[in-house]
Amino acid sequence: MNNYNSYLVRQWLLPDEQPASEGESKVRFQVFDIEHVQSGRRTRVRQLDDAKTWIESISAEGPNRDTK
């Protein structure tokens, strides 16, 4: 049986308040908000690798894990 999961991923790029030097990014940091659509579980992380790890852990739990 296949296990399908849906995720909603939002990314915020929060700017630095100080003017950037030429060639530098004004992005101070980023935030990822991830929601597992089927269960409503969500997390917020600053690194894309952490988002990937969370998604993989939810997907590995298999079906029938709804917490709503």
C-alpha atoms as a PDB file:
ATOM      1  CA  MET A   1       0.000   0.000   0.000  1.00  0.00           C
ATOM      2  CA  ASN A   2       1.300   3.449  -0.900  1.00  0.00           C
ATOM      3  CA  ASN A   3       1.575   6.118   1.765  1.00  0.00           C
ATOM      4  CA  TYR A   4       0.782   9.597   0.438  1.00  0.00           C
ATOM      5  CA  ASN A   5       1.334  12.742   2.468  1.00  0.00           C
ATOM      6  CA  SER A   6       0.632  16.394   1.749  1.00  0.00           C
ATOM      7  CA  TYR A   7       2.564  19.271   3.249  1.00  0.00           C
ATOM      8  CA  LEU A   8       2.107  23.014   3.139  1.00  0.00           C
ATOM      9  CA  VAL A   9       5.451  24.795   3.287  1.00  0.00           C
ATOM     10  CA  ARG A  10       5.785  28.526   3.841  1.00  0.00           C
ATOM     11  CA  GLN A  11       9.096  30.353   3.696  1.00  0.00           C
ATOM     12  CA  TRP A  12       9.789  33.790   5.108  1.00  0.00           C
ATOM     13  CA  LEU A  13      12.933  35.688   4.209  1.00  0.00           C
ATOM     14  CA  LEU A  14      13.356  38.301   6.908  1.00  0.00           C
ATOM     15  CA  PRO A  15      15.422  41.304   5.843  1.00  0.00           C
ATOM     16  CA  ASP A  16      18.251  42.887   7.740  1.00  0.00           C
ATOM     17  CA  GLU A  17      17.452  46.358   9.034  1.00  0.00           C
ATOM     18  CA  GLN A  18      20.876  47.648   8.017  1.00  0.00           C
ATOM     19  CA  PRO A  19      21.619  48.533   4.380  1.00  0.00           C
ATOM     20  CA  ALA A  20      23.494  45.771   2.587  1.00  0.00           C
ATOM     21  CA  SER A  21      26.917  46.390   1.119  1.00  0.00           C
ATOM     22  CA  GLU A  22      27.233  45.966  -2.606  1.00  0.00           C
ATOM     23  CA  GLY A  23      27.027  42.274  -3.491  1.00  0.00           C
ATOM     24  CA  GLU A  24      25.675  41.263  -0.060  1.00  0.00           C
ATOM     25  CA  SER A  25      22.230  39.880   0.587  1.00  0.00           C
ATOM     26  CA  LYS A  26      19.849  41.876   2.760  1.00  0.00           C
ATOM     27  CA  VAL A  27      18.310  38.623   4.021  1.00  0.00           C
ATOM     28  CA  ARG A  28      19.049  38.273   7.737  1.00  0.00           C
ATOM     29  CA  PHE A  29      17.495  34.841   8.154  1.00  0.00           C
ATOM     30  CA  GLN A  30      14.771  32.586   6.845  1.00  0.00           C
ATOM     31  CA  VAL A  31      11.975  30.704   8.558  1.00  0.00           C
ATOM     32  CA  PHE A  32      10.130  27.646   7.251  1.00  0.00           C
ATOM     33  CA  ASP A  33       6.639  26.841   8.547  1.00  0.00           C
ATOM     34  CA  ILE A  34       5.564  23.308   7.579  1.00  0.00           C
ATOM     35  CA  GLU A  35       2.141  21.766   8.115  1.00  0.00           C
ATOM     36  CA  HIS A  36       1.198  18.134   7.530  1.00  0.00           C
ATOM     37  CA  VAL A  37      -2.175  18.520   5.811  1.00  0.00           C
ATOM     38  CA  GLN A  38      -3.688  15.187   6.878  1.00  0.00           C
ATOM     39  CA  SER A  39      -2.990  15.541  10.618  1.00  0.00           C
ATOM     40  CA  GLY A  40      -2.640  19.285  11.100  1.00  0.00           C
ATOM     41  CA  ARG A  41       0.716  18.814  12.821  1.00  0.00           C
ATOM     42  CA  ARG A  42       3.127  21.646  12.195  1.00  0.00           C
ATOM     43  CA  THR A  43       6.584  22.898  12.967  1.00  0.00           C
ATOM     44  CA  ARG A  44       8.648  26.005  12.356  1.00  0.00           C
ATOM     45  CA  VAL A  45      12.382  25.752  11.647  1.00  0.00           C
ATOM     46  CA  ARG A  46      15.163  28.007  10.378  1.00  0.00           C
ATOM     47  CA  GLN A  47      17.060  25.513   8.221  1.00  0.00           C
ATOM     48  CA  LEU A  48      15.801  23.705   5.135  1.00  0.00           C
ATOM     49  CA  ASP A  49      17.587  20.523   6.281  1.00  0.00           C
ATOM     50  CA  ASP A  50      15.559  20.617   9.514  1.00  0.00           C
ATOM     51  CA  ALA A  51      12.351  20.959   7.495  1.00  0.00           C
ATOM     52  CA  LYS A  52      13.330  17.958   5.392  1.00  0.00           C
ATOM     53  CA  THR A  53      14.100  15.904   8.505  1.00  0.00           C
ATOM     54  CA  TRP A  54      10.716  16.741  10.053  1.00  0.00           C
ATOM     55  CA  ILE A  55       8.849  15.874   6.834  1.00  0.00           C
ATOM     56  CA  GLU A  56      10.688  12.555   6.576  1.00  0.00           C
ATOM     57  CA  SER A  57       9.894  11.687  10.213  1.00  0.00           C
ATOM     58  CA  ILE A  58       6.172  12.390   9.743  1.00  0.00           C
ATOM     59  CA  SER A  59       6.116  10.395   6.497  1.00  0.00           C
ATOM     60  CA  ALA A  60       7.893   7.457   8.152  1.00  0.00           C
ATOM     61  CA  GLU A  61       5.143   7.163  10.791  1.00  0.00           C
ATOM     62  CA  GLY A  62       2.823   5.721   8.166  1.00  0.00           C
ATOM     63  CA  PRO A  63      -0.938   5.992   7.841  1.00  0.00           C
ATOM     64  CA  ASN A  64      -3.506   6.463  10.630  1.00  0.00           C
ATOM     65  CA  ARG A  65      -1.492   8.958  12.652  1.00  0.00           C
ATOM     66  CA  ASP A  66      -4.019  11.803  12.652  1.00  0.00           C
ATOM     67  CA  THR A  67      -3.877  13.923  15.806  1.00  0.00           C
ATOM     68  CA  LYS A  68      -6.781  16.305  15.126  1.00  0.00           C
END
